Protein backbone atom coordinates (compact mmCIF):
# COMPACT_ATOMS: atom_id res chain seq x y z
CA UNK A 1 0.00 0.00 0.00
CA UNK A 2 2.82 2.34 0.86
CA UNK A 3 4.57 1.60 -2.42
CA UNK A 4 1.41 2.23 -4.43
CA UNK A 5 0.84 5.56 -2.67
CA UNK A 6 4.45 6.59 -3.35
CA UNK A 7 4.12 5.80 -7.05
CA UNK A 8 0.90 7.81 -7.27
CA UNK A 9 2.54 10.80 -5.56
CA UNK A 10 5.54 10.71 -7.89
CA UNK A 11 3.26 10.53 -10.92
CA UNK A 12 1.20 13.46 -9.72
CA UNK A 13 4.37 15.54 -9.19
CA UNK A 14 5.57 14.67 -12.70
CA UNK A 15 2.28 15.80 -14.20
CA UNK A 16 2.40 19.04 -12.22
CA UNK A 17 5.95 19.75 -13.41
CA UNK A 18 4.98 19.10 -17.02
CA UNK A 19 2.01 21.42 -16.69
CA UNK A 20 4.15 24.29 -15.38
CA UNK A 21 6.95 23.95 -17.91
CA UNK A 22 4.71 23.14 -20.85
CA UNK A 23 2.29 26.03 -20.45
CA UNK A 24 1.81 28.57 -23.24
CA UNK A 25 1.02 32.24 -22.58
CA UNK A 26 -0.38 34.51 -25.25
CA UNK A 27 0.02 38.29 -25.25
CA UNK A 28 -1.21 41.00 -27.58
CA UNK A 29 1.54 43.48 -28.50
CA UNK A 30 1.45 46.99 -29.94
CA UNK A 31 3.75 48.17 -32.73
CA UNK A 32 6.59 48.72 -30.22
CA UNK A 33 6.11 45.18 -28.90
CA UNK A 34 4.64 46.31 -25.59
CA UNK A 35 1.88 44.20 -24.06
CA UNK A 36 -1.52 45.77 -24.64
CA UNK A 37 -5.13 44.88 -23.87
CA UNK A 38 -6.48 47.41 -26.38
CA UNK A 39 -7.55 45.67 -29.58
CA UNK A 40 -7.22 48.96 -31.44
CA UNK A 41 -3.46 49.18 -30.76
CA UNK A 42 -2.65 45.46 -31.04
CA UNK A 43 -0.36 44.64 -33.98
CA UNK A 44 1.14 41.27 -32.97
CA UNK A 45 0.34 38.12 -31.01
CA UNK A 46 3.13 36.62 -28.91
CA UNK A 47 3.18 33.03 -27.71
CA UNK A 48 5.55 32.11 -24.88
CA UNK A 49 6.22 28.45 -24.15
CA UNK A 50 7.97 27.75 -20.86
CA UNK A 51 10.53 25.05 -21.58
CA UNK A 52 12.33 25.31 -18.21
CA UNK A 53 13.04 27.92 -15.56
CA UNK A 54 15.80 29.31 -17.81
CA UNK A 55 14.38 28.70 -21.27
CA UNK A 56 11.38 30.43 -22.85
CA UNK A 57 10.53 29.71 -26.47
CA UNK A 58 8.85 32.73 -28.09
CA UNK A 59 6.95 33.14 -31.35
CA UNK A 60 5.60 36.50 -32.47
CA UNK A 61 3.09 36.71 -35.32
CA UNK A 62 1.37 39.51 -37.16
CA UNK A 63 -2.38 39.72 -36.55
CA UNK A 64 -2.85 38.28 -40.05
CA UNK A 65 -1.09 35.10 -38.93
CA UNK A 66 2.30 35.46 -40.62
CA UNK A 67 5.38 34.96 -38.47
CA UNK A 68 7.41 37.96 -37.31
CA UNK A 69 9.97 36.31 -35.05
CA UNK A 70 10.91 33.03 -33.40
CA UNK A 71 13.58 32.65 -30.74
CA UNK A 72 14.50 31.74 -27.20
CA UNK A 73 15.07 33.76 -24.00
CA UNK A 74 16.70 32.82 -20.73
CA UNK A 75 14.51 34.97 -18.46
CA UNK A 76 10.75 35.29 -17.89
CA UNK A 77 10.90 39.05 -18.64
CA UNK A 78 12.13 38.16 -22.15
CA UNK A 79 15.06 40.57 -21.98
CA UNK A 80 17.98 38.18 -22.59
CA UNK A 81 17.84 36.58 -26.02
CA UNK A 82 19.91 33.41 -26.28
CA UNK A 83 20.08 30.91 -29.13
CA UNK A 84 18.88 30.80 -32.73
CA UNK A 85 16.51 33.57 -33.91
CA UNK A 86 14.66 34.16 -37.17
CA UNK A 87 12.87 37.36 -38.23
CA UNK A 88 10.38 37.75 -41.08
CA UNK A 89 8.90 40.52 -43.19
CA UNK A 90 5.12 40.86 -43.29
CA UNK A 91 5.11 39.36 -46.81
CA UNK A 92 6.50 36.08 -45.45
CA UNK A 93 10.10 36.41 -46.62
CA UNK A 94 12.89 35.98 -44.09
CA UNK A 95 14.41 39.25 -42.90
CA UNK A 96 17.34 37.79 -40.96
CA UNK A 97 18.46 34.78 -38.96
CA UNK A 98 21.32 34.10 -36.62
CA UNK A 99 22.30 33.55 -33.01
CA UNK A 100 22.14 35.56 -29.79
CA UNK A 101 24.41 34.96 -26.82
CA UNK A 102 23.32 36.43 -23.49
CA UNK A 103 21.40 39.23 -25.22
CA UNK A 104 23.93 40.09 -27.96
CA UNK A 105 24.10 39.02 -31.59
CA UNK A 106 27.09 36.77 -32.24
CA UNK A 107 28.51 34.90 -35.20
CA UNK A 108 27.22 35.12 -38.76
CA UNK A 109 23.77 36.54 -39.42
CA UNK A 110 22.09 35.85 -42.75
CA UNK A 111 20.03 38.71 -44.18
CA UNK A 112 17.54 39.23 -47.01
CA UNK A 113 15.81 42.26 -48.50
CA UNK A 114 12.07 42.82 -48.73
CA UNK A 115 11.91 40.96 -52.06
CA UNK A 116 13.64 37.90 -50.60
CA UNK A 117 17.02 38.50 -52.26
CA UNK A 118 20.15 37.87 -50.15
CA UNK A 119 21.94 40.79 -48.55
CA UNK A 120 25.57 40.60 -47.36
CA UNK A 121 26.04 38.53 -44.22
CA UNK A 122 26.91 40.33 -41.02
CA UNK A 123 29.43 38.95 -38.54
CA UNK A 124 29.21 39.81 -34.84
CA UNK A 125 32.23 38.90 -32.68
CA UNK A 126 31.70 37.17 -29.37
CA UNK A 127 32.93 39.76 -26.90
CA UNK A 128 32.13 41.04 -23.43
CA UNK A 129 31.00 44.66 -23.39
CA UNK A 130 32.45 46.71 -20.57
CA UNK A 131 30.25 49.38 -19.06
CA UNK A 132 31.58 52.88 -18.52
CA UNK A 133 30.21 56.02 -16.90
CA UNK A 134 29.54 57.77 -20.20
CA UNK A 135 26.05 59.19 -20.69
CA UNK A 136 23.48 57.45 -22.87
CA UNK A 137 23.15 58.60 -26.47
CA UNK A 138 20.70 57.85 -29.30
CA UNK A 139 21.51 56.17 -32.59
CA UNK A 140 22.80 58.48 -35.31
CA UNK A 141 22.50 58.25 -39.09
CA UNK A 142 25.89 58.64 -40.85
CA UNK A 143 26.09 62.27 -41.92
CA UNK A 144 23.15 63.31 -39.74
CA UNK A 145 19.54 64.06 -40.60
CA UNK A 146 20.50 66.14 -43.66
CA UNK A 147 22.17 63.07 -45.17
CA UNK A 148 19.12 60.95 -44.38
CA UNK A 149 16.83 63.47 -46.07
CA UNK A 150 19.06 63.45 -49.13
CA UNK A 151 18.88 59.65 -49.22
CA UNK A 152 15.08 59.81 -49.10
CA UNK A 153 15.04 62.21 -52.06
CA UNK A 154 17.49 60.10 -54.08
CA UNK A 155 16.31 56.58 -53.25
CA UNK A 156 12.59 56.66 -52.40
CA UNK A 157 10.53 55.64 -55.43
CA UNK A 158 6.96 56.78 -55.92
CA UNK A 159 5.17 53.76 -57.43
CA UNK A 160 3.77 54.62 -60.84
CA UNK A 161 0.40 52.89 -60.20
CA UNK A 162 0.08 55.00 -57.04
CA UNK A 163 0.75 58.16 -59.04
CA UNK A 164 -1.84 57.15 -61.63
CA UNK A 165 -4.36 56.50 -58.87
CA UNK A 166 -3.57 59.78 -57.10
CA UNK A 167 -2.68 57.86 -53.94
CA UNK A 168 -0.94 60.03 -51.34
CA UNK A 169 -0.23 60.01 -47.63
CA UNK A 170 2.32 59.37 -44.89
CA UNK A 171 3.46 55.85 -44.06
CA UNK A 172 4.90 55.30 -40.58
CA UNK A 173 7.55 52.57 -40.30
CA UNK A 174 8.97 51.30 -37.02
CA UNK A 175 12.35 49.62 -37.14
CA UNK A 176 15.20 48.53 -34.89
CA UNK A 177 18.76 49.80 -35.01
CA UNK A 178 20.70 47.03 -33.31
CA UNK A 179 23.83 47.32 -31.20
CA UNK A 180 26.04 47.20 -34.30
CA UNK A 181 24.04 49.88 -36.14
CA UNK A 182 22.22 47.54 -38.53
CA UNK A 183 18.63 48.39 -39.45
CA UNK A 184 16.30 45.44 -38.95
CA UNK A 185 12.71 44.38 -38.31
CA UNK A 186 10.90 47.15 -40.25
CA UNK A 187 7.15 47.11 -39.61
CA UNK A 188 4.36 49.35 -40.91
CA UNK A 189 2.72 50.95 -37.88
CA UNK A 190 0.35 53.21 -39.81
CA UNK A 191 -0.09 52.50 -43.51
CA UNK A 192 -1.78 54.28 -46.39
CA UNK A 193 -2.01 51.84 -49.29
CA UNK A 194 -0.34 48.56 -50.19
CA UNK A 195 1.72 50.24 -52.93
CA UNK A 196 3.08 52.98 -50.68
CA UNK A 197 3.50 50.69 -47.69
CA UNK A 198 5.58 48.24 -49.72
CA UNK A 199 7.88 50.99 -51.03
CA UNK A 200 8.33 52.45 -47.54
CA UNK A 201 9.35 49.02 -46.22
CA UNK A 202 11.73 48.52 -49.15
CA UNK A 203 13.37 51.88 -48.51
CA UNK A 204 13.81 51.35 -44.76
CA UNK A 205 15.18 47.83 -45.23
CA UNK A 206 17.86 49.26 -47.54
CA UNK A 207 19.13 51.91 -45.10
CA UNK A 208 22.88 51.78 -44.42
CA UNK A 209 24.54 51.10 -41.06
CA UNK A 210 23.95 53.70 -38.33
CA UNK A 211 26.04 54.64 -35.33
CA UNK A 212 24.21 52.59 -32.67
CA UNK A 213 22.64 53.96 -29.54
CA UNK A 214 24.54 53.50 -26.29
CA UNK A 215 23.55 53.24 -22.66
CA UNK A 216 26.27 53.73 -20.05
CA UNK A 217 28.80 53.37 -22.83
CA UNK A 218 27.44 49.99 -24.01
CA UNK A 219 25.97 49.71 -27.54
CA UNK A 220 22.28 48.80 -27.34
CA UNK A 221 19.33 48.19 -29.64
CA UNK A 222 16.95 51.11 -30.15
CA UNK A 223 13.58 51.52 -31.83
CA UNK A 224 12.77 54.31 -34.29
CA UNK A 225 9.66 55.49 -36.08
CA UNK A 226 10.13 57.04 -39.51
CA UNK A 227 7.27 58.90 -41.23
CA UNK A 228 7.65 58.71 -45.02
CA UNK A 229 5.45 61.12 -46.96
CA UNK A 230 4.28 60.46 -50.51
CA UNK A 231 2.94 63.72 -51.93
CA UNK A 232 1.85 64.44 -55.52
CA UNK A 233 1.26 68.10 -54.83
CA UNK A 234 4.86 69.20 -55.39
CA UNK A 235 5.97 69.00 -51.73
CA UNK A 236 9.45 67.66 -51.05
CA UNK A 237 9.19 63.93 -50.29
CA UNK A 238 11.68 64.10 -47.47
CA UNK A 239 9.57 66.53 -45.47
CA UNK A 240 8.72 64.94 -42.13
CA UNK A 241 10.65 61.86 -43.23
CA UNK A 242 13.15 61.82 -40.38
CA UNK A 243 13.03 59.33 -37.50
CA UNK A 244 11.19 60.15 -34.33
CA UNK A 245 13.15 59.97 -31.11
CA UNK A 246 14.37 56.43 -30.60
CA UNK A 247 13.95 54.33 -27.50
CA UNK A 248 16.61 51.92 -26.30
CA UNK A 249 15.54 48.43 -25.39
């Protein structure tokens, strides 16, 4: 009788452990990937599967069902990325894939543009960042905002079908400038039309390397919002097309 009771207790404990570590939590996220309960601001759905007390498998999807990101974190707050990660554009193509180590990108990262064509690989050395007492600073475009505005004028294409249809407006794109200055994870936060939205994403995904943001002297990821105006009335296309103030993650 004692042996039977012991077996039952062990089995019950095993089931309880499986239930805790196998549970899946779902969150709604806004365009800056903050948890929200407002359906009007929700842009993503995040699923968190607890593998162990130091492993959390995360999948983020657009509201339309397409994948945005898959990866693993070592903490329940999902602040320390660790392991293989893959990011996707809204059209289903891969945006990038590679490995994180204790919150930092390491090794070779594969990259693709919005049309699915390969971009040059990026290599991130495995190093330990040493904090200093220097003040925090935001990411900076090479050459400053004037250079960014010039790039908008020279490189942003107004789709001919949009011109013919008299389609105008301002597309807002959120993107990440990672700790090495690479632009990644562009997402439309407020679109106008499929034609303009697609061109805005193409333009942002082609931006060159920035000087990354830093916090206490350590390079960090930061989020930016860029309004891109398409105007057929003769206004300069770069007007209001500079990033809003970034926020470091």
